[in-house]
Protein backbone atom coordinates (compact mmCIF):
# COMPACT_ATOMS: atom_id res chain seq x y z
CA MET A 1 0.00 0.00 0.00
CA LYS A 2 1.36 3.39 -0.99
CA HIS A 3 1.38 6.08 1.68
CA VAL A 4 0.81 9.76 0.83
CA VAL A 5 1.09 12.34 3.63
CA SER A 6 0.19 16.01 3.59
CA VAL A 7 2.20 17.91 6.19
CA SER A 8 0.14 21.03 6.81
CA LEU A 9 0.71 24.25 8.72
CA GLY A 10 -3.04 24.26 9.26
CA SER A 11 -5.13 23.23 12.24
CA SER A 12 -4.82 19.64 13.48
CA LYS A 13 -8.62 19.69 13.89
CA ARG A 14 -8.83 19.29 10.11
CA ASN A 15 -6.80 16.06 10.10
CA HIS A 16 -8.13 13.18 8.04
CA ALA A 17 -6.98 9.82 6.72
CA VAL A 18 -8.53 7.44 4.20
CA GLU A 19 -7.61 4.17 2.57
CA THR A 20 -8.73 3.91 -1.02
CA GLU A 21 -7.85 2.49 -4.42
CA PHE A 22 -6.82 4.09 -7.70
CA LEU A 23 -6.05 2.20 -10.91
CA GLY A 24 -6.04 -1.09 -9.03
CA GLU A 25 -3.51 0.07 -6.44
CA LYS A 26 -4.21 0.69 -2.75
CA PHE A 27 -3.34 3.98 -1.06
CA ARG A 28 -3.37 5.43 2.42
CA ILE A 29 -3.88 9.20 2.16
CA GLU A 30 -3.29 11.24 5.29
CA ARG A 31 -3.38 14.91 6.24
CA ILE A 32 -1.48 15.94 9.40
CA GLY A 33 -1.82 19.51 10.65
CA THR A 34 0.81 21.13 12.86
CA ASP A 35 -1.26 24.08 14.13
CA GLY A 36 1.02 26.65 12.54
CA ASN A 37 4.12 25.25 14.23
CA TRP A 38 6.93 25.44 11.66
CA ASP A 39 9.36 23.41 13.77
CA GLU A 40 6.82 20.61 14.14
CA ALA A 41 6.16 20.59 10.39
CA ILE A 42 9.90 20.44 9.63
CA ASN A 43 10.46 17.66 12.16
CA LEU A 44 7.54 15.67 10.76
CA ILE A 45 8.99 15.86 7.25
CA ARG A 46 12.41 14.82 8.56
CA ARG A 47 10.92 11.89 10.48
CA LEU A 48 8.86 10.55 7.56
CA ASP A 49 11.35 11.32 4.78
CA GLY A 50 12.10 8.12 2.89
CA LYS A 51 9.34 6.25 4.74
CA VAL A 52 6.37 7.48 2.72
CA ASP A 53 5.85 7.60 -1.05
CA ALA A 54 5.08 11.32 -1.44
CA PHE A 55 4.55 14.45 0.66
CA GLY A 56 1.99 17.16 0.11
CA MET A 57 2.88 20.56 1.53
CA GLY A 58 -0.34 21.91 3.00
CA GLY A 59 -1.42 25.23 4.47
CA ILE A 60 1.09 27.09 2.31
CA THR A 61 1.61 27.73 -1.37
CA LEU A 62 4.97 27.61 -3.11
CA TYR A 63 4.19 30.09 -5.89
CA ILE A 64 2.08 33.14 -6.60
CA TYR A 65 1.40 34.19 -10.18
CA ALA A 66 1.52 37.42 -12.18
CA GLY A 67 0.23 36.32 -15.55
CA ASN A 68 2.64 33.64 -16.75
CA ARG A 69 5.34 34.69 -14.31
CA ARG A 70 5.58 32.94 -10.99
CA TYR A 71 7.29 34.00 -7.77
CA ILE A 72 8.40 31.60 -5.05
CA MET A 73 7.35 32.17 -1.44
CA ARG A 74 10.41 32.48 0.77
CA ASP A 75 8.88 30.62 3.73
CA ALA A 76 7.65 27.72 1.57
CA LYS A 77 11.25 26.83 0.68
CA LYS A 78 11.88 26.00 4.36
CA LEU A 79 9.63 22.95 4.05
CA LEU A 80 10.55 22.09 0.49
CA LEU A 81 14.24 21.69 1.29
CA GLU A 82 13.66 19.36 4.25
CA ALA A 83 12.56 16.39 2.11
CA LYS A 84 15.76 14.72 0.91
CA LYS A 85 14.41 11.33 -0.22
CA THR A 86 10.62 11.55 -0.58
CA PRO A 87 9.19 13.82 -3.30
CA ILE A 88 7.32 16.85 -1.94
CA VAL A 89 4.80 19.03 -3.81
CA ASP A 90 2.46 21.89 -2.92
CA GLY A 91 -0.30 21.13 -5.45
CA GLY A 92 0.84 23.76 -7.94
CA GLY A 93 1.67 21.15 -10.57
CA ILE A 94 -2.00 20.20 -10.97
CA LYS A 95 -3.89 23.08 -9.34
CA ASN A 96 -4.14 25.19 -12.48
CA ILE A 97 -5.09 22.16 -14.61
CA LEU A 98 -7.57 20.54 -12.22
CA GLU A 99 -9.33 23.69 -11.06
CA ARG A 100 -9.78 24.97 -14.60
CA GLN A 101 -11.14 21.58 -15.69
CA SER A 102 -13.51 21.43 -12.70
CA ILE A 103 -15.02 24.85 -13.41
CA GLU A 104 -15.35 24.15 -17.13
CA ARG A 105 -17.01 20.83 -16.30
CA VAL A 106 -19.68 22.21 -13.96
CA ALA A 107 -20.40 24.91 -16.56
CA ARG A 108 -20.59 22.39 -19.42
CA GLU A 109 -22.86 20.04 -17.45
CA GLY A 110 -25.22 22.87 -16.49
CA ILE A 111 -24.50 22.62 -12.77
CA VAL A 112 -23.41 26.26 -12.56
CA ASP A 113 -24.49 28.92 -15.05
CA PHE A 114 -21.85 31.64 -14.91
CA LYS A 115 -23.41 33.90 -17.51
CA GLY A 116 -24.52 37.15 -15.92
CA ARG A 117 -23.43 35.97 -12.47
CA ARG A 118 -21.30 38.16 -10.23
CA VAL A 119 -18.23 36.26 -8.99
CA LEU A 120 -16.00 37.08 -6.03
CA MET A 121 -12.61 35.36 -6.28
CA VAL A 122 -11.20 35.89 -2.79
CA CYS A 123 -7.57 35.53 -3.92
CA GLY A 124 -6.48 35.01 -7.50
CA VAL A 125 -2.67 35.17 -7.47
CA ASP A 126 -2.27 31.62 -6.13
CA ARG A 127 -4.95 30.06 -8.38
CA LEU A 128 -4.19 31.06 -11.96
CA GLY A 129 -6.28 28.32 -13.59
CA MET A 130 -9.38 29.11 -11.54
CA SER A 131 -8.95 32.84 -12.12
CA GLN A 132 -8.65 32.38 -15.88
CA ALA A 133 -11.60 29.99 -16.13
CA LEU A 134 -13.90 32.26 -14.13
CA SER A 135 -12.88 35.30 -16.20
CA GLU A 136 -13.69 33.42 -19.40
CA LEU A 137 -17.12 32.33 -18.17
CA SER A 138 -18.24 35.52 -16.42
CA ASP A 139 -17.67 39.17 -17.27
CA GLN A 140 -18.37 40.22 -13.68
CA VAL A 141 -15.43 38.82 -11.68
CA VAL A 142 -14.02 40.74 -8.72
CA PHE A 143 -10.65 39.66 -7.31
CA GLY A 144 -10.28 40.20 -3.57
CA ASP A 145 -6.50 39.89 -3.30
CA LEU A 146 -6.06 43.36 -1.84
CA ILE A 147 -9.15 43.02 0.35
CA TYR A 148 -8.55 39.62 1.93
CA GLY A 149 -4.79 39.27 1.45
CA LEU A 150 -3.66 42.72 2.56
CA GLY A 151 -6.73 44.24 4.23
CA ILE A 152 -7.07 47.02 1.62
CA PRO A 153 -10.76 47.41 0.61
CA ILE A 154 -10.21 47.86 -3.12
CA ARG A 155 -11.82 45.61 -5.75
CA ILE A 156 -9.75 44.38 -8.70
CA ARG A 157 -12.20 44.06 -11.57
CA SER A 158 -10.21 42.22 -14.25
CA LEU A 159 -7.60 39.53 -14.70
CA LYS A 160 -5.33 42.05 -16.43
CA GLY A 161 -5.67 44.36 -13.45
CA LEU A 162 -4.73 41.52 -11.14
CA GLU A 163 -1.69 40.70 -13.29
CA ARG A 164 -0.50 44.32 -13.28
CA LEU A 165 -0.87 44.55 -9.51
CA ALA A 166 0.86 41.20 -8.98
CA ARG A 167 3.88 42.22 -11.05
CA VAL A 168 4.40 45.16 -8.71
CA MET A 169 3.49 43.48 -5.41
CA ALA A 170 4.70 39.89 -5.83
CA PRO A 171 8.43 40.55 -5.33
CA ILE A 172 7.56 42.18 -1.99
CA VAL A 173 4.80 39.80 -0.86
CA VAL A 174 6.83 36.60 -1.39
CA ASN A 175 9.36 37.80 1.19
CA LEU A 176 6.78 38.53 3.91
CA PRO A 177 6.16 35.99 6.70
CA PHE A 178 3.55 33.62 5.30
CA ASP A 179 1.58 33.71 8.56
CA SER A 180 0.86 37.40 7.91
CA LEU A 181 -0.75 36.62 4.54
CA TYR A 182 -2.71 33.44 5.17
CA PRO A 183 -4.47 31.90 8.19
CA THR A 184 -2.39 29.11 9.72
CA GLY A 185 -2.85 27.05 12.90
CA SER A 186 -5.54 28.27 15.29
CA LYS A 187 -6.24 31.29 13.04
CA GLN A 188 -8.04 28.88 10.73
CA GLU A 189 -10.69 28.36 13.41
CA VAL A 190 -11.52 32.07 13.80
CA ILE A 191 -14.19 33.75 11.67
CA ILE A 192 -13.97 37.53 11.29
CA PRO A 193 -17.07 38.77 9.38
CA LYS A 194 -15.11 41.67 7.87
CA PHE A 195 -15.57 43.05 4.35
CA ALA A 196 -18.91 41.20 4.23
CA LYS A 197 -20.36 43.53 1.61
CA TYR A 198 -18.20 41.95 -1.08
CA TYR A 199 -19.71 38.54 -0.27
CA TYR A 200 -23.21 40.02 -0.41
CA GLU A 201 -22.56 41.59 -3.81
CA ALA A 202 -21.58 38.24 -5.35
CA ASP A 203 -23.68 35.35 -6.63
CA ILE A 204 -20.68 33.00 -6.62
CA ILE A 205 -17.84 33.03 -4.08
CA ALA A 206 -14.71 31.23 -5.24
CA GLY A 207 -11.16 30.49 -4.15
CA ASP A 208 -9.27 29.07 -1.21
CA PHE A 209 -11.69 27.84 1.46
CA LEU A 210 -9.72 29.11 4.45
CA TYR A 211 -9.84 32.64 3.04
CA ILE A 212 -13.57 32.21 2.38
CA ARG A 213 -14.21 30.84 5.86
CA ARG A 214 -12.13 33.44 7.70
CA TYR A 215 -14.36 36.30 6.52
CA LEU A 216 -17.65 34.41 6.28
CA PRO A 217 -20.75 36.55 6.98
CA GLU A 218 -23.63 35.30 9.10
CA ARG A 219 -25.89 34.72 6.08
CA LEU A 220 -25.12 33.71 2.50
CA ASP A 221 -28.60 32.72 1.39
CA GLY A 222 -28.75 31.42 -2.17
CA LYS A 223 -25.03 31.86 -2.83
CA MET A 224 -22.81 29.31 -4.58
CA VAL A 225 -19.31 28.48 -3.31
CA ILE A 226 -16.54 27.04 -5.51
CA THR A 227 -13.51 26.05 -3.47
CA ASN A 228 -10.90 23.42 -2.76
CA THR A 229 -10.76 21.66 0.63
CA THR A 230 -13.76 21.20 2.92
CA THR A 231 -14.43 19.00 5.94
CA ARG A 232 -17.84 17.74 7.11
CA GLU A 233 -17.88 20.64 9.60
CA ASP A 234 -17.18 23.14 6.81
CA VAL A 235 -20.04 21.76 4.73
CA GLU A 236 -22.44 22.07 7.68
CA LEU A 237 -21.24 25.61 8.36
CA LEU A 238 -22.04 26.62 4.80
CA ARG A 239 -25.41 24.88 5.00
CA GLU A 240 -26.28 26.72 8.22
CA ARG A 241 -25.41 30.06 6.65
CA GLY A 242 -27.72 29.49 3.70
CA VAL A 243 -25.31 28.56 0.89
CA LYS A 244 -27.23 26.92 -1.93
CA LEU A 245 -24.52 24.95 -3.75
CA LEU A 246 -20.98 23.84 -2.89
CA VAL A 247 -18.54 22.79 -5.62
CA THR A 248 -15.14 21.41 -4.62
CA THR A 249 -12.47 21.12 -7.29
CA THR A 250 -11.08 17.91 -5.79
CA PRO A 251 -13.22 14.80 -5.27
CA GLU A 252 -14.89 13.93 -1.97
CA MET A 253 -13.30 11.07 -0.01
CA GLU A 254 -15.16 9.72 3.02
CA GLY A 255 -16.82 12.96 3.98
CA ARG A 256 -14.29 15.57 2.94
CA SER A 257 -12.25 16.83 0.02
CA PHE A 258 -8.47 16.97 0.17
CA GLY A 259 -6.32 19.83 -1.10
CA THR A 260 -4.52 19.86 -4.43
CA ASN A 261 -1.24 19.28 -2.60
CA VAL A 262 -2.57 15.85 -1.58
CA MET A 263 -3.87 15.08 -5.05
CA GLU A 264 -0.58 16.07 -6.69
CA ALA A 265 1.34 13.93 -4.19
CA LEU A 266 -0.97 11.05 -5.11
CA LEU A 267 -0.24 11.54 -8.82
CA VAL A 268 3.51 11.80 -8.18
CA SER A 269 3.45 8.47 -6.34
CA ILE A 270 1.66 6.84 -9.29
CA ILE A 271 3.85 8.37 -12.03
CA GLY A 272 7.02 7.32 -10.24
CA LYS A 273 9.33 9.95 -11.78
CA PRO A 274 11.40 12.59 -9.96
CA VAL A 275 9.21 15.66 -9.58
CA ASP A 276 11.46 17.83 -11.75
CA ARG A 277 11.02 15.36 -14.62
CA ILE A 278 7.22 15.22 -14.47
CA THR A 279 5.66 17.26 -17.25
CA GLU A 280 2.28 18.98 -17.49
CA ASP A 281 1.30 16.34 -20.06
CA ASP A 282 2.11 13.59 -17.53
CA TYR A 283 -0.33 15.19 -15.11
CA ARG A 284 -2.97 15.81 -17.79
CA ASN A 285 -2.82 12.23 -19.07
CA LEU A 286 -3.10 10.73 -15.59
CA LEU A 287 -5.91 13.09 -14.57
CA ARG A 288 -7.76 12.02 -17.71
CA GLU A 289 -7.28 8.36 -16.78
CA LEU A 290 -8.39 8.88 -13.18
CA ASP A 291 -11.34 11.06 -14.28
CA PHE A 292 -11.57 13.03 -11.04
CA ARG A 293 -14.96 14.70 -10.85
CA PRO A 294 -15.54 17.87 -8.87
CA GLY A 295 -17.56 17.45 -5.71
CA VAL A 296 -21.08 18.88 -6.02
CA VAL A 297 -23.30 19.25 -2.95
CA TYR A 298 -26.69 20.96 -2.93
CA LEU A 299 -27.00 22.40 0.58
CA ASN A 300 -30.25 24.36 0.53
CA ASP A 301 -33.20 24.65 -1.84
């Protein structure tokens, strides 16, 4: 049985493990949160290095994007360099492919009609594929990178605008402490209903779930949420707040969806090549064979 482990800077309350089968092979897939403790995350990677088949790097992203340019997060390299024997990935190798495909699929199958719908993408610089797909399907996309990433209440109303801003800001942002940009550890459990008006203006709220959750208003009646990783508790929270439809870009496994870092680690363990030799076509071909479907949950009528 192959063993895939996501070492996450996120809350340990979101831990999950499943045993499942893909392409006739058995896998144990595990997510281990370290509650924002960098030393614990580093020690966990050191302890499991060479003993598991692939690591996912959770609760942090390795790259942010400005158009086709990408910038590496300084803090993410701390974890990346600790794995000497076991391949380690952050999900970026498949995120842009899988999230684009998921959004195109729910549009094509009539699950979500994007035409004329107002979309709030809470943070676009770390999810290029999702940002591009949403911009192609809706002409009313607002990017909340300044609002939810830096606390500056200014809407970015186009993908080109986001790219221009990112080219200026990315070289600075990637050198900031990651904890100041993204909720880690116990911060993931706190909801601050700030900047709620941008949620209310939107028909569809999309992007990283922990950003969405952190600023979640009391009511989101009739809204649709398109995101990545949700637990059973997250799904119930959205149901209680009136969300109509939840789409997750990774498939549901025993009550929750895993992050793209886990799914990329899974693919790496199947492909069996060094990470730096895996091509985008390798990922595309395997994703086609696995036929991952987005998770679709109707929460309220």
